[in-house]
């Protein structure tokens, strides 16, 4: 999934790299390219291993950057900003919303408050 320049300008401020503690290691990969790879995986539902092979888009680096941004709560911040923009433009209508059941926890097993079953009386 390719980002337009307009989309990148909106998202780039959220993706600032953390402060370097050392000058060792490889240079940091391009955030825009890695974000496009992450969005491809999220959009298609494919596994990280299925990410199209490209020298600029290594799957392990995409996954590592995804984890880094997830740990820094980048995605909720981006969604919040996108919601604000849509609301300002009058394009967001929250009177009706749907939640996929696969994302909600399901109760499993018997209730913990149920009394234990008693053993039957021996038959004669």
C-alpha atoms as a PDB file:
ATOM      1  CA  UNK A   1       0.000   0.000   0.000  1.00  0.00           C
ATOM      2  CA  UNK A   2       1.592   3.246  -1.135  1.00  0.00           C
ATOM      3  CA  UNK A   3       1.060   6.409   0.872  1.00  0.00           C
ATOM      4  CA  UNK A   4       0.451   9.687  -0.902  1.00  0.00           C
ATOM      5  CA  UNK A   5       2.657  12.633   0.010  1.00  0.00           C
ATOM      6  CA  UNK A   6      -0.343  14.252   1.705  1.00  0.00           C
ATOM      7  CA  UNK A   7      -0.922  11.158   3.845  1.00  0.00           C
ATOM      8  CA  UNK A   8       2.767  10.944   4.728  1.00  0.00           C
ATOM      9  CA  UNK A   9       2.879  14.596   5.834  1.00  0.00           C
ATOM     10  CA  UNK A  10      -0.002  13.835   8.196  1.00  0.00           C
ATOM     11  CA  UNK A  11       1.551  10.653   9.651  1.00  0.00           C
ATOM     12  CA  UNK A  12       5.265  11.503   9.770  1.00  0.00           C
ATOM     13  CA  UNK A  13       5.168  13.583  12.997  1.00  0.00           C
ATOM     14  CA  UNK A  14       3.893  10.546  14.916  1.00  0.00           C
ATOM     15  CA  UNK A  15       6.740   8.324  13.712  1.00  0.00           C
ATOM     16  CA  UNK A  16       9.729  10.245  15.009  1.00  0.00           C
ATOM     17  CA  UNK A  17      12.540   7.865  15.930  1.00  0.00           C
ATOM     18  CA  UNK A  18      13.541   7.496  19.579  1.00  0.00           C
ATOM     19  CA  UNK A  19      16.697   9.202  20.752  1.00  0.00           C
ATOM     20  CA  UNK A  20      19.814   7.209  19.912  1.00  0.00           C
ATOM     21  CA  UNK A  21      21.775   6.004  22.900  1.00  0.00           C
ATOM     22  CA  UNK A  22      24.703   4.871  20.786  1.00  0.00           C
ATOM     23  CA  UNK A  23      26.139   5.610  17.366  1.00  0.00           C
ATOM     24  CA  UNK A  24      26.696   1.944  16.588  1.00  0.00           C
ATOM     25  CA  UNK A  25      24.704  -0.267  14.288  1.00  0.00           C
ATOM     26  CA  UNK A  26      23.154   0.090  10.896  1.00  0.00           C
ATOM     27  CA  UNK A  27      21.496   3.289   9.746  1.00  0.00           C
ATOM     28  CA  UNK A  28      17.778   3.449  10.503  1.00  0.00           C
ATOM     29  CA  UNK A  29      15.542   2.294   7.631  1.00  0.00           C
ATOM     30  CA  UNK A  30      13.125   4.702   6.003  1.00  0.00           C
ATOM     31  CA  UNK A  31       9.978   4.989   8.145  1.00  0.00           C
ATOM     32  CA  UNK A  32       7.704   5.634   5.176  1.00  0.00           C
ATOM     33  CA  UNK A  33       8.742   2.445   3.375  1.00  0.00           C
ATOM     34  CA  UNK A  34       8.377   0.376   6.536  1.00  0.00           C
ATOM     35  CA  UNK A  35       4.971   1.902   7.308  1.00  0.00           C
ATOM     36  CA  UNK A  36       3.807   0.981   3.811  1.00  0.00           C
ATOM     37  CA  UNK A  37       4.905  -2.615   4.464  1.00  0.00           C
ATOM     38  CA  UNK A  38       3.137  -2.667   7.838  1.00  0.00           C
ATOM     39  CA  UNK A  39      -0.038  -1.286   6.280  1.00  0.00           C
ATOM     40  CA  UNK A  40       0.152  -3.962   3.571  1.00  0.00           C
ATOM     41  CA  UNK A  41       0.258  -6.717   6.203  1.00  0.00           C
ATOM     42  CA  UNK A  42      -2.579  -5.150   8.205  1.00  0.00           C
ATOM     43  CA  UNK A  43      -4.713  -4.555   5.128  1.00  0.00           C
ATOM     44  CA  UNK A  44      -4.278  -8.007   3.605  1.00  0.00           C
ATOM     45  CA  UNK A  45      -4.218  -9.980   6.848  1.00  0.00           C
ATOM     46  CA  UNK A  46      -1.176 -11.826   5.528  1.00  0.00           C
ATOM     47  CA  UNK A  47       1.618 -13.159   7.699  1.00  0.00           C
ATOM     48  CA  UNK A  48       4.819 -11.135   8.005  1.00  0.00           C
ATOM     49  CA  UNK A  49       6.625 -13.875   6.065  1.00  0.00           C
ATOM     50  CA  UNK A  50       4.362 -13.189   3.065  1.00  0.00           C
ATOM     51  CA  UNK A  51       5.466  -9.558   2.815  1.00  0.00           C
ATOM     52  CA  UNK A  52       6.577  -8.956  -0.799  1.00  0.00           C
ATOM     53  CA  UNK A  53      10.310  -9.489  -1.135  1.00  0.00           C
ATOM     54  CA  UNK A  54      12.141  -6.221  -1.528  1.00  0.00           C
ATOM     55  CA  UNK A  55      15.561  -5.062  -0.390  1.00  0.00           C
ATOM     56  CA  UNK A  56      14.012  -1.898   1.055  1.00  0.00           C
ATOM     57  CA  UNK A  57      11.289  -3.832   2.870  1.00  0.00           C
ATOM     58  CA  UNK A  58      12.747  -6.605   5.045  1.00  0.00           C
ATOM     59  CA  UNK A  59      10.010  -8.429   6.962  1.00  0.00           C
ATOM     60  CA  UNK A  60      11.975  -8.598  10.211  1.00  0.00           C
ATOM     61  CA  UNK A  61      12.599  -4.840  10.200  1.00  0.00           C
ATOM     62  CA  UNK A  62       8.935  -4.151   9.387  1.00  0.00           C
ATOM     63  CA  UNK A  63       7.850  -6.331  12.293  1.00  0.00           C
ATOM     64  CA  UNK A  64      10.396  -4.766  14.654  1.00  0.00           C
ATOM     65  CA  UNK A  65       9.270  -1.253  13.715  1.00  0.00           C
ATOM     66  CA  UNK A  66       5.624  -2.299  14.117  1.00  0.00           C
ATOM     67  CA  UNK A  67       6.427  -3.513  17.647  1.00  0.00           C
ATOM     68  CA  UNK A  68       8.366  -0.319  18.422  1.00  0.00           C
ATOM     69  CA  UNK A  69       5.492   1.908  17.302  1.00  0.00           C
ATOM     70  CA  UNK A  70       2.970  -0.297  19.063  1.00  0.00           C
ATOM     71  CA  UNK A  71       4.946  -0.111  22.330  1.00  0.00           C
ATOM     72  CA  UNK A  72       5.086   3.692  21.990  1.00  0.00           C
ATOM     73  CA  UNK A  73       1.285   3.868  21.392  1.00  0.00           C
ATOM     74  CA  UNK A  74       1.763   5.477  17.990  1.00  0.00           C
ATOM     75  CA  UNK A  75      -1.259   3.810  16.392  1.00  0.00           C
ATOM     76  CA  UNK A  76      -3.869   5.052  18.906  1.00  0.00           C
ATOM     77  CA  UNK A  77      -2.409   8.558  18.560  1.00  0.00           C
ATOM     78  CA  UNK A  78      -2.653   8.386  14.758  1.00  0.00           C
ATOM     79  CA  UNK A  79      -6.234   7.105  14.937  1.00  0.00           C
ATOM     80  CA  UNK A  80      -7.151   9.903  17.340  1.00  0.00           C
ATOM     81  CA  UNK A  81      -5.773  12.497  14.942  1.00  0.00           C
ATOM     82  CA  UNK A  82      -7.582  10.924  11.983  1.00  0.00           C
ATOM     83  CA  UNK A  83     -10.846  10.935  13.957  1.00  0.00           C
ATOM     84  CA  UNK A  84     -10.353  14.639  14.712  1.00  0.00           C
ATOM     85  CA  UNK A  85      -9.758  15.445  11.053  1.00  0.00           C
ATOM     86  CA  UNK A  86     -12.799  13.483   9.908  1.00  0.00           C
ATOM     87  CA  UNK A  87     -14.970  15.101  12.559  1.00  0.00           C
ATOM     88  CA  UNK A  88     -13.749  18.599  11.609  1.00  0.00           C
ATOM     89  CA  UNK A  89     -14.674  17.870   7.992  1.00  0.00           C
ATOM     90  CA  UNK A  90     -18.087  16.519   8.985  1.00  0.00           C
ATOM     91  CA  UNK A  91     -17.225  13.073   7.621  1.00  0.00           C
ATOM     92  CA  UNK A  92     -17.443  11.145  10.892  1.00  0.00           C
ATOM     93  CA  UNK A  93     -20.814   9.818  12.009  1.00  0.00           C
ATOM     94  CA  UNK A  94     -20.663   7.843  15.248  1.00  0.00           C
ATOM     95  CA  UNK A  95     -24.420   7.380  15.671  1.00  0.00           C
ATOM     96  CA  UNK A  96     -23.978   3.808  14.512  1.00  0.00           C
ATOM     97  CA  UNK A  97     -20.897   1.633  14.977  1.00  0.00           C
ATOM     98  CA  UNK A  98     -20.119  -2.057  14.617  1.00  0.00           C
ATOM     99  CA  UNK A  99     -17.660  -4.207  16.512  1.00  0.00           C
ATOM    100  CA  UNK A 100     -16.405  -7.497  15.143  1.00  0.00           C
ATOM    101  CA  UNK A 101     -16.977 -10.317  17.603  1.00  0.00           C
ATOM    102  CA  UNK A 102     -13.516 -11.753  17.009  1.00  0.00           C
ATOM    103  CA  UNK A 103     -12.041  -8.794  18.870  1.00  0.00           C
ATOM    104  CA  UNK A 104     -14.180  -9.146  21.992  1.00  0.00           C
ATOM    105  CA  UNK A 105     -13.421 -11.640  24.735  1.00  0.00           C
ATOM    106  CA  UNK A 106     -15.705 -14.639  24.939  1.00  0.00           C
ATOM    107  CA  UNK A 107     -16.577 -16.359  28.193  1.00  0.00           C
ATOM    108  CA  UNK A 108     -15.202 -19.851  28.268  1.00  0.00           C
ATOM    109  CA  UNK A 109     -16.357 -22.716  30.447  1.00  0.00           C
ATOM    110  CA  UNK A 110     -18.841 -22.806  33.281  1.00  0.00           C
ATOM    111  CA  UNK A 111     -19.500 -19.883  35.541  1.00  0.00           C
ATOM    112  CA  UNK A 112     -17.253 -19.775  38.566  1.00  0.00           C
ATOM    113  CA  UNK A 113     -20.211 -18.946  40.838  1.00  0.00           C
ATOM    114  CA  UNK A 114     -22.139 -22.123  39.989  1.00  0.00           C
ATOM    115  CA  UNK A 115     -22.442 -24.561  42.895  1.00  0.00           C
ATOM    116  CA  UNK A 116     -20.537 -27.828  42.478  1.00  0.00           C
ATOM    117  CA  UNK A 117     -22.537 -30.857  41.383  1.00  0.00           C
ATOM    118  CA  UNK A 118     -23.240 -33.399  44.075  1.00  0.00           C
ATOM    119  CA  UNK A 119     -22.505 -37.066  43.673  1.00  0.00           C
ATOM    120  CA  UNK A 120     -25.479 -39.339  43.160  1.00  0.00           C
ATOM    121  CA  UNK A 121     -26.569 -41.678  45.888  1.00  0.00           C
ATOM    122  CA  UNK A 122     -25.312 -45.234  45.347  1.00  0.00           C
ATOM    123  CA  UNK A 123     -27.776 -47.506  43.568  1.00  0.00           C
ATOM    124  CA  UNK A 124     -29.010 -50.571  45.320  1.00  0.00           C
END
